[in-house]
Amino acid sequence: MALALGGAAHADAQALDSSVASARSRLWLPPLASLVAPGSGQLLLGRDRGMVYLAAEAFILSRFLQLTHDGRRGAERYRDLAFAVARRGFTEQRRDTVFEYYETMERFAASGEYNRNPDPLGRVIPESDPSTYNGSIWLLARRTFWPDPNSPPAPGSDADRAALNFYSAHAVGPDFRWSWRNASLEQQEYRATIRSSDDAFRSAQNQLGLLLANHLVSAIDALISSRLSAGLRREATLETTWMGRRHGSRVRVTIAF
């Protein structure tokens, strides 16, 4: 008889442990679901506000895709302008490169020559016009490494080699020369296009931050709703309010009584 009672008690304890474990797993299911798909945890709990999170997810995602598309389209446009106008006459082969190169084309009307020495096997003679990009690089190299930027040191000296090495590392080579001479309107369009493309990509990155925030807030809301509601046997909700950039946001937990 005692063995039977002991076995029954052990079975009841196992059943209780199993039910507790099952209940705990159910408590974690809504927040995990909301972390993956915002609003799904609220819908599992029977909360209609889950649709708000789903709608926000769809809107933010559509904005991200649209802004990314606009940024890419703008990038193609300013690259086309650069090759068809500024780089025309310098190269027949279209080559792409880093974004900083295209940013530099905004600020300088021309790249300038890389080597003004007609003898390609001779000493490199840098561009001397400081209004061009290469000329500005050479001016910076002289100011940095020469004792006097207006008085060249002895050829082959440490200062001379250091300045030439700096110039070689930062100047634009022959394959990437450009000039907006007699094309000021095209350069203005280029500047506007590259800025709008950059703004679109930057705004798209901001949308990714909003997407992450929507996932986290929905998961925290579902966690509060499931665990506090189960513990207090009252409905608990998380409310967030965006009050603008100046005032920030407000988070409020509400428990029904």
Protein backbone atom coordinates (compact mmCIF):
# COMPACT_ATOMS: atom_id res chain seq x y z
CA MET A 1 0.00 0.00 0.00
CA ALA A 2 2.81 2.39 0.93
CA LEU A 3 4.62 1.58 -2.29
CA ALA A 4 1.47 2.28 -4.26
CA LEU A 5 0.96 5.64 -2.51
CA GLY A 6 4.63 6.53 -3.05
CA GLY A 7 4.40 5.65 -6.72
CA ALA A 8 1.24 7.70 -7.14
CA ALA A 9 2.84 10.71 -5.40
CA HIS A 10 5.92 10.41 -7.59
CA ALA A 11 3.73 10.25 -10.70
CA ASP A 12 1.78 13.32 -9.54
CA ALA A 13 5.06 15.21 -8.96
CA GLN A 14 6.27 14.29 -12.42
CA ALA A 15 3.00 15.42 -13.95
CA LEU A 16 3.21 18.71 -12.00
CA ASP A 17 6.80 19.30 -13.13
CA SER A 18 5.80 18.55 -16.70
CA SER A 19 2.86 20.96 -16.56
CA VAL A 20 5.04 23.68 -15.02
CA ALA A 21 7.66 23.23 -17.71
CA SER A 22 4.98 23.32 -20.38
CA ALA A 23 3.50 26.50 -18.89
CA ARG A 24 6.90 28.16 -18.77
CA SER A 25 7.59 27.26 -22.38
CA ARG A 26 4.24 28.77 -23.37
CA LEU A 27 5.19 31.99 -21.53
CA TRP A 28 8.33 32.35 -23.65
CA LEU A 29 6.64 31.50 -26.94
CA PRO A 30 4.91 34.90 -27.54
CA PRO A 31 8.02 37.07 -26.98
CA LEU A 32 10.14 34.77 -29.14
CA ALA A 33 7.49 34.84 -31.86
CA SER A 34 7.33 38.64 -31.69
CA LEU A 35 11.12 38.88 -31.86
CA VAL A 36 11.02 37.01 -35.17
CA ALA A 37 7.82 38.55 -36.56
CA PRO A 38 6.59 41.67 -34.69
CA GLY A 39 2.97 41.36 -33.63
CA SER A 40 2.79 37.58 -33.86
CA GLY A 41 3.26 37.15 -30.11
CA GLN A 42 0.41 39.57 -29.38
CA LEU A 43 -1.83 37.71 -31.79
CA LEU A 44 -0.98 34.40 -30.06
CA LEU A 45 -2.13 36.01 -26.81
CA GLY A 46 -5.30 37.25 -28.47
CA ARG A 47 -4.24 40.92 -28.44
CA ASP A 48 -5.47 42.88 -31.45
CA ARG A 49 -2.60 45.39 -31.15
CA GLY A 50 -0.41 42.77 -32.78
CA MET A 51 -1.76 44.09 -36.07
CA VAL A 52 -0.20 47.47 -35.26
CA TYR A 53 3.24 45.90 -35.01
CA LEU A 54 2.67 43.95 -38.23
CA ALA A 55 1.52 47.08 -40.05
CA ALA A 56 4.53 49.02 -38.76
CA GLU A 57 6.84 46.21 -39.91
CA ALA A 58 5.33 46.22 -43.40
CA PHE A 59 5.51 50.01 -43.68
CA ILE A 60 9.11 50.30 -42.44
CA LEU A 61 10.24 47.41 -44.63
CA SER A 62 8.62 48.95 -47.70
CA ARG A 63 10.31 52.26 -46.93
CA PHE A 64 13.68 50.53 -46.58
CA LEU A 65 13.28 48.77 -49.93
CA GLN A 66 12.13 51.95 -51.67
CA LEU A 67 14.96 54.06 -50.26
CA THR A 68 17.52 51.39 -51.17
CA HIS A 69 16.13 51.32 -54.71
CA ASP A 70 16.29 55.12 -54.93
CA GLY A 71 19.86 55.12 -53.65
CA ARG A 72 20.98 52.52 -56.19
CA ARG A 73 19.22 54.29 -59.03
CA GLY A 74 20.89 57.56 -58.03
CA ALA A 75 24.27 55.82 -57.83
CA GLU A 76 23.86 54.51 -61.36
CA ARG A 77 22.87 57.99 -62.53
CA TYR A 78 25.85 59.86 -61.08
CA ARG A 79 28.24 57.17 -62.31
CA ASP A 80 26.75 57.51 -65.80
CA LEU A 81 27.21 61.30 -65.65
CA ALA A 82 30.79 60.94 -64.47
CA PHE A 83 31.72 58.61 -67.31
CA ALA A 84 29.72 60.32 -70.08
CA VAL A 85 30.75 63.91 -69.22
CA ALA A 86 33.66 64.33 -66.82
CA ARG A 87 35.71 61.31 -67.89
CA ARG A 88 34.92 61.54 -71.58
CA GLY A 89 38.06 61.95 -73.65
CA PHE A 90 40.35 60.47 -70.99
CA THR A 91 39.38 56.81 -71.17
CA GLU A 92 37.28 54.56 -73.36
CA GLN A 93 37.06 51.75 -70.82
CA ARG A 94 34.54 52.24 -68.07
CA ARG A 95 35.96 51.41 -64.64
CA ASP A 96 34.26 51.71 -61.30
CA THR A 97 36.01 52.50 -58.04
CA VAL A 98 35.37 53.55 -54.44
CA PHE A 99 32.71 56.08 -53.43
CA GLU A 100 35.32 58.56 -52.17
CA TYR A 101 36.48 59.04 -55.76
CA TYR A 102 33.01 60.21 -56.80
CA GLU A 103 32.78 62.44 -53.74
CA THR A 104 36.04 64.10 -54.78
CA MET A 105 34.58 64.82 -58.20
CA GLU A 106 32.01 67.00 -56.46
CA ARG A 107 34.63 69.32 -55.00
CA PHE A 108 37.08 69.68 -57.89
CA ALA A 109 36.30 70.73 -61.43
CA ALA A 110 39.22 68.67 -62.72
CA SER A 111 41.59 66.00 -61.51
CA GLY A 112 44.61 67.46 -63.26
CA GLU A 113 47.41 65.45 -64.78
CA TYR A 114 49.22 62.81 -62.80
CA ASN A 115 52.58 63.26 -64.51
CA ARG A 116 53.46 66.36 -66.49
CA ASN A 117 56.74 64.86 -67.66
CA PRO A 118 56.43 63.95 -71.36
CA ASP A 119 59.00 61.22 -70.83
CA PRO A 120 57.12 58.33 -69.18
CA LEU A 121 60.39 56.75 -68.08
CA GLY A 122 61.68 59.91 -66.45
CA ARG A 123 61.06 61.47 -63.07
CA VAL A 124 57.41 62.10 -62.18
CA ILE A 125 56.54 65.79 -62.38
CA PRO A 126 53.34 66.30 -60.34
CA GLU A 127 50.44 68.56 -61.29
CA SER A 128 51.18 72.12 -60.15
CA ASP A 129 47.72 73.71 -60.44
CA PRO A 130 46.29 73.70 -56.87
CA SER A 131 42.74 74.21 -58.16
CA THR A 132 42.82 70.64 -59.46
CA TYR A 133 42.67 67.59 -57.21
CA ASN A 134 46.15 66.31 -58.05
CA GLY A 135 47.54 69.82 -57.72
CA SER A 136 46.02 70.12 -54.25
CA ILE A 137 47.57 66.78 -53.28
CA TRP A 138 50.98 67.94 -54.45
CA LEU A 139 50.61 71.21 -52.53
CA LEU A 140 49.73 69.23 -49.39
CA ALA A 141 52.74 66.95 -49.95
CA ARG A 142 55.08 69.95 -50.27
CA ARG A 143 53.68 71.60 -47.17
CA THR A 144 53.99 68.36 -45.22
CA PHE A 145 57.44 67.12 -46.23
CA TRP A 146 59.41 70.02 -47.67
CA PRO A 147 61.12 72.49 -45.31
CA ASP A 148 59.80 75.26 -47.56
CA PRO A 149 56.82 74.36 -49.80
CA ASN A 150 57.94 76.95 -52.37
CA SER A 151 61.58 75.85 -52.47
CA PRO A 152 62.19 72.29 -53.69
CA PRO A 153 64.80 70.24 -51.81
CA ALA A 154 67.61 68.44 -53.53
CA PRO A 155 66.38 65.69 -55.90
CA GLY A 156 66.60 62.29 -54.23
CA SER A 157 66.67 63.72 -50.70
CA ASP A 158 64.49 62.26 -47.97
CA ALA A 159 62.08 65.21 -48.17
CA ASP A 160 61.87 64.92 -51.94
CA ARG A 161 61.19 61.16 -51.88
CA ALA A 162 58.64 61.46 -49.07
CA ALA A 163 56.66 64.12 -50.93
CA LEU A 164 56.68 62.13 -54.18
CA ASN A 165 55.64 58.94 -52.39
CA PHE A 166 52.74 60.77 -50.74
CA TYR A 167 51.69 62.19 -54.09
CA SER A 168 51.88 58.80 -55.81
CA ALA A 169 49.75 57.21 -53.09
CA HIS A 170 46.95 59.81 -53.16
CA ALA A 171 46.86 61.39 -56.63
CA VAL A 172 44.49 60.21 -59.37
CA GLY A 173 46.16 58.20 -62.11
CA PRO A 174 45.68 58.60 -65.86
CA ASP A 175 42.89 56.01 -66.05
CA PHE A 176 40.68 58.00 -63.69
CA ARG A 177 41.23 61.58 -64.86
CA TRP A 178 38.18 63.83 -65.07
CA SER A 179 37.23 67.35 -65.98
CA TRP A 180 33.98 69.29 -65.64
CA ARG A 181 35.36 72.18 -67.68
CA ASN A 182 32.61 73.74 -69.83
CA ALA A 183 30.09 71.39 -68.15
CA SER A 184 29.05 73.32 -65.04
CA LEU A 185 25.36 72.42 -65.43
CA GLU A 186 26.21 68.73 -65.63
CA GLN A 187 28.39 69.05 -62.56
CA GLN A 188 25.54 70.67 -60.65
CA GLU A 189 23.26 67.82 -61.65
CA TYR A 190 25.99 65.38 -60.62
CA ARG A 191 26.27 67.00 -57.18
CA ALA A 192 22.51 66.92 -56.65
CA THR A 193 22.29 63.29 -57.76
CA ILE A 194 25.13 62.02 -55.59
CA ARG A 195 23.73 63.82 -52.54
CA SER A 196 20.22 62.50 -53.06
CA SER A 197 21.62 58.99 -53.50
CA ASP A 198 23.69 59.31 -50.34
CA ASP A 199 20.68 60.66 -48.42
CA ALA A 200 18.56 57.75 -49.62
CA PHE A 201 21.11 55.18 -48.45
CA ARG A 202 21.47 56.97 -45.10
CA SER A 203 17.69 57.03 -44.62
CA ALA A 204 17.54 53.33 -45.51
CA GLN A 205 20.01 52.61 -42.71
CA ASN A 206 17.75 54.54 -40.33
CA GLN A 207 14.85 52.34 -41.39
CA LEU A 208 16.89 49.29 -40.36
CA GLY A 209 17.17 50.81 -36.90
CA LEU A 210 13.40 51.27 -36.79
CA LEU A 211 12.90 47.67 -37.89
CA LEU A 212 15.11 46.44 -35.06
CA ALA A 213 13.28 48.67 -32.58
CA ASN A 214 9.91 47.33 -33.74
CA HIS A 215 11.09 43.75 -33.18
CA LEU A 216 12.43 44.52 -29.70
CA VAL A 217 9.43 46.53 -28.54
CA SER A 218 7.03 43.89 -29.80
CA ALA A 219 9.01 41.14 -28.03
CA ILE A 220 9.14 43.11 -24.75
CA ASP A 221 5.43 43.85 -25.04
CA ALA A 222 4.68 40.16 -25.55
CA LEU A 223 6.97 39.22 -22.63
CA ILE A 224 5.24 41.65 -20.29
CA SER A 225 1.81 40.60 -21.48
CA SER A 226 2.48 36.90 -21.01
CA ARG A 227 4.55 36.81 -17.81
CA LEU A 228 2.93 39.64 -15.84
CA SER A 229 -0.54 38.63 -16.92
CA ALA A 230 0.17 35.06 -15.82
CA GLY A 231 1.75 36.13 -12.54
CA LEU A 232 -0.79 38.80 -11.60
CA ARG A 233 -3.73 37.26 -13.41
CA ARG A 234 -4.36 40.69 -14.90
CA GLU A 235 -3.92 41.93 -18.44
CA ALA A 236 -0.62 43.83 -18.81
CA THR A 237 0.36 45.88 -21.84
CA LEU A 238 3.34 47.91 -22.99
CA GLU A 239 2.62 51.26 -24.64
CA THR A 240 5.21 53.34 -26.51
CA THR A 241 4.75 56.92 -27.68
CA TRP A 242 7.02 58.78 -30.09
CA MET A 243 7.01 62.50 -29.27
CA GLY A 244 9.48 63.76 -31.85
CA ARG A 245 13.24 64.09 -31.97
CA ARG A 246 13.35 66.85 -29.36
CA HIS A 247 11.31 65.06 -26.70
CA GLY A 248 12.20 61.46 -27.55
CA SER A 249 9.91 58.55 -26.75
CA ARG A 250 7.88 57.40 -23.75
CA VAL A 251 7.32 53.83 -22.55
CA ARG A 252 4.44 52.95 -20.22
CA VAL A 253 3.38 49.63 -18.71
CA THR A 254 -0.32 49.30 -17.96
CA ILE A 255 -1.83 46.59 -15.75
CA ALA A 256 -5.59 46.14 -15.67
CA PHE A 257 -7.38 45.80 -12.29
